[in-house]
Every structure is written in structure tokens, then in C-alpha cells.
Amino acid sequence: MDNKIKIQFTCHGNICRSTMAQYVMQYLVDQRDLADDFYIDSAATSREEIGNRPHRGTQQKLREVGIPCGDHRAVQMTRQDYEKYDYLIGMDTWNIRNMTRIAGGDPEGKIHKLLDYTERKGDIADPWYTGNFDETYVDVREGCEALLAHILKEDLY
């Protein structure tokens, strides 16, 4: 795993946005036959959903667009994750604040919002509150495509 590019997507509970991003990104790298070059996972900043599977809305949306949804169980981000991952990607400003606190800072500049890699920047709305998994998917897909393009340009090729 040392030679792989390691990405951790993070949101509040690790059942909606971060798991959606994990599976979208995995799908994108699989489609490009790059699975051997990446390790992709997700985590929460809170402990509220630890052990739970992805939200049924996330599962349904991924199924609808033909992206496999695995059996991930919610876990909490740890301080050690900062050393383990090359990219720590949060979904909104609050996630970034909590991720930075958990990591004890961001001296290597690894923590970013997913939409920072797109033209429009900003936060990805939490479908736990909005109920709009379609809108979240559009944002996550755009962010993952932009992040992957950035990685392929900057790090790998």
C-alpha cells in the first residue's frame, strides 16, 4: 500500500457524503484501470454513526447511477490517519475544522474540501438534513472527477 495514492473522504457521520465519495472515486479509478494505484476509504469526524452502513439514500443513489456500493461501516477519523493518507478530503467547512482538530493541525497541507478541486468551490450539502441525494451526488461526482484529474496531473503521471 506504500506506493499507492491514499485518499480518505470525511464527513460528519461517514454514512452519506464521504461513503458516496469513496465509492464514486473507486468507480472512477476502476474505469481508468488504475485501481492498483489507489487506496480509497472514508471516515467520520463524529462517533454518532460508528459501525453503521452507508445511508439507504446513498446506497439507492449509487445503485441508480450504476456505481457499486460496498459494505463499508462508519469509522471515526484518527490522528494517525494524517500520516497514513496523502489526501484528507472533507465535504464542508465544518468537516475541515474538525478534521484539522483531530489531526492536530495540517502542516503538510493534506486537508481540503472536495469542491476545492472544482471551479466553483464551496460546501457539499449534507443529504442527512436536505434529503437531496441527487444534488449531493452531482457535487460529489464533480468533485471526485476534479480531484482525480488533479492527482493524475500532479502526482502520478
Protein backbone atom coordinates (compact mmCIF):
# COMPACT_ATOMS: atom_id res chain seq x y z
CA MET A 1 0.00 0.00 0.00
CA ASP A 2 3.00 2.30 0.40
CA ASN A 3 3.25 3.01 -3.33
CA LYS A 4 -0.43 3.76 -3.66
CA ILE A 5 -2.03 7.18 -3.58
CA LYS A 6 -4.11 7.11 -0.41
CA ILE A 7 -7.31 9.15 -0.14
CA GLN A 8 -9.66 9.42 2.82
CA PHE A 9 -13.00 11.15 2.33
CA THR A 10 -14.50 12.52 5.52
CA CYS A 11 -17.86 13.92 6.59
CA HIS A 12 -19.75 14.20 9.86
CA GLY A 13 -21.17 10.68 10.17
CA ASN A 14 -19.48 8.64 7.40
CA ILE A 15 -22.77 7.28 6.10
CA CYS A 16 -23.79 9.79 3.39
CA ARG A 17 -21.32 12.09 1.63
CA SER A 18 -17.97 10.51 2.48
CA THR A 19 -19.07 6.98 1.62
CA MET A 20 -20.65 8.28 -1.59
CA ALA A 21 -17.35 9.96 -2.47
CA GLN A 22 -15.39 6.81 -1.57
CA TYR A 23 -17.43 4.67 -3.96
CA VAL A 24 -17.60 7.29 -6.72
CA MET A 25 -13.82 7.74 -6.63
CA GLN A 26 -13.27 3.98 -6.58
CA TYR A 27 -15.54 3.68 -9.60
CA LEU A 28 -13.64 6.42 -11.45
CA VAL A 29 -10.24 4.82 -10.83
CA ASP A 30 -11.61 1.37 -11.71
CA GLN A 31 -12.97 2.75 -15.01
CA ARG A 32 -9.47 4.03 -15.84
CA ASP A 33 -7.87 0.71 -14.82
CA LEU A 34 -5.96 2.49 -12.01
CA ALA A 35 -7.27 0.51 -9.02
CA ASP A 36 -3.78 -0.81 -8.23
CA ASP A 37 -2.50 2.76 -7.86
CA PHE A 38 -5.05 3.91 -5.26
CA TYR A 39 -6.26 3.13 -1.77
CA ILE A 40 -9.58 4.89 -1.09
CA ASP A 41 -11.52 4.91 2.17
CA SER A 42 -13.76 7.19 4.23
CA ALA A 43 -14.32 8.26 7.83
CA ALA A 44 -16.37 10.48 10.13
CA THR A 45 -15.45 13.38 12.34
CA SER A 46 -18.06 12.26 14.89
CA ARG A 47 -18.80 8.98 16.64
CA GLU A 48 -22.58 9.14 16.06
CA GLU A 49 -22.81 6.53 13.30
CA ILE A 50 -19.81 4.29 14.08
CA GLY A 51 -20.41 0.78 12.76
CA ASN A 52 -23.36 1.76 10.58
CA ARG A 53 -23.60 1.01 6.86
CA PRO A 54 -23.98 3.75 4.24
CA HIS A 55 -27.30 5.60 4.42
CA ARG A 56 -30.04 3.99 2.33
CA GLY A 57 -30.26 7.21 0.29
CA THR A 58 -26.56 6.92 -0.61
CA GLN A 59 -26.97 3.24 -1.45
CA GLN A 60 -30.04 3.96 -3.59
CA LYS A 61 -28.40 6.84 -5.48
CA LEU A 62 -25.26 4.82 -6.23
CA ARG A 63 -27.37 1.89 -7.41
CA GLU A 64 -29.38 4.27 -9.62
CA VAL A 65 -26.22 5.51 -11.39
CA GLY A 66 -24.61 2.06 -11.64
CA ILE A 67 -21.83 2.56 -9.09
CA PRO A 68 -21.16 -0.40 -6.79
CA CYS A 69 -21.69 0.35 -3.10
CA GLY A 70 -19.63 -1.86 -0.82
CA ASP A 71 -20.19 -2.85 2.78
CA HIS A 72 -18.25 -0.01 4.43
CA ARG A 73 -19.02 0.58 8.10
CA ALA A 74 -18.69 4.05 9.58
CA VAL A 75 -15.43 4.74 11.41
CA GLN A 76 -14.04 7.85 13.02
CA MET A 77 -11.01 9.65 11.63
CA THR A 78 -7.95 9.36 13.87
CA ARG A 79 -4.81 11.42 14.33
CA GLN A 80 -2.85 8.54 12.74
CA ASP A 81 -4.85 8.95 9.53
CA TYR A 82 -2.97 12.16 8.86
CA GLU A 83 0.25 10.18 8.38
CA LYS A 84 -1.46 7.29 6.59
CA TYR A 85 -3.22 9.27 3.82
CA ASP A 86 -1.92 11.57 1.08
CA TYR A 87 -5.26 13.35 0.70
CA LEU A 88 -7.77 14.01 3.51
CA ILE A 89 -10.87 15.32 1.80
CA GLY A 90 -13.77 16.88 3.73
CA MET A 91 -17.19 17.78 2.42
CA ASP A 92 -17.77 21.13 4.11
CA THR A 93 -16.13 23.85 6.20
CA TRP A 94 -17.26 22.28 9.47
CA ASN A 95 -15.69 18.93 8.46
CA ILE A 96 -12.41 20.68 7.65
CA ARG A 97 -12.37 22.38 11.05
CA ASN A 98 -12.99 19.06 12.83
CA MET A 99 -10.54 17.12 10.65
CA THR A 100 -7.81 19.66 11.39
CA ARG A 101 -8.57 19.39 15.12
CA ILE A 102 -8.46 15.57 15.02
CA ALA A 103 -5.20 15.61 13.03
CA GLY A 104 -3.64 18.15 15.38
CA GLY A 105 -3.14 20.62 12.54
CA ASP A 106 -2.36 20.38 8.84
CA PRO A 107 1.37 21.07 8.49
CA GLU A 108 1.65 19.19 5.17
CA GLY A 109 -1.43 20.77 3.56
CA LYS A 110 -3.24 17.44 3.08
CA ILE A 111 -6.70 18.57 4.24
CA HIS A 112 -9.01 20.07 1.61
CA LYS A 113 -12.68 20.35 0.76
CA LEU A 114 -13.72 18.16 -2.16
CA LEU A 115 -15.14 21.07 -4.13
CA ASP A 116 -11.83 22.96 -3.76
CA TYR A 117 -10.72 20.96 -6.81
CA THR A 118 -13.58 22.34 -8.92
CA GLU A 119 -14.16 25.77 -10.43
CA ARG A 120 -16.99 26.65 -8.05
CA LYS A 121 -15.53 25.59 -4.69
CA GLY A 122 -17.80 25.60 -1.60
CA ASP A 123 -19.51 23.02 0.60
CA ILE A 124 -21.39 19.86 -0.31
CA ALA A 125 -24.77 19.93 1.41
CA ASP A 126 -25.44 17.08 3.83
CA PRO A 127 -28.31 14.96 2.48
CA TRP A 128 -28.97 13.73 6.02
CA TYR A 129 -30.54 17.17 6.51
CA THR A 130 -31.57 18.14 2.96
CA GLY A 131 -32.86 14.74 1.86
CA ASN A 132 -31.49 15.57 -1.60
CA PHE A 133 -29.14 12.73 -2.51
CA ASP A 134 -29.37 13.68 -6.20
CA GLU A 135 -27.82 17.11 -5.57
CA THR A 136 -25.19 15.60 -3.30
CA TYR A 137 -24.28 13.05 -5.97
CA VAL A 138 -23.83 15.75 -8.63
CA ASP A 139 -21.47 17.66 -6.31
CA VAL A 140 -19.59 14.54 -5.20
CA ARG A 141 -19.17 13.30 -8.78
CA GLU A 142 -17.89 16.69 -9.97
CA GLY A 143 -15.51 16.91 -7.02
CA CYS A 144 -14.18 13.38 -7.45
CA GLU A 145 -13.60 13.86 -11.17
CA ALA A 146 -11.73 17.11 -10.48
CA LEU A 147 -9.69 15.55 -7.65
CA LEU A 148 -8.73 12.60 -9.82
CA ALA A 149 -7.70 14.92 -12.67
CA HIS A 150 -5.58 16.88 -10.18
CA ILE A 151 -3.92 13.72 -8.85
CA LEU A 152 -3.21 12.33 -12.31
CA LYS A 153 -1.68 15.64 -13.36
CA GLU A 154 0.26 16.34 -10.16
CA ASP A 155 1.21 13.03 -8.58
CA LEU A 156 1.12 10.03 -10.81
CA TYR A 157 1.63 10.68 -14.46
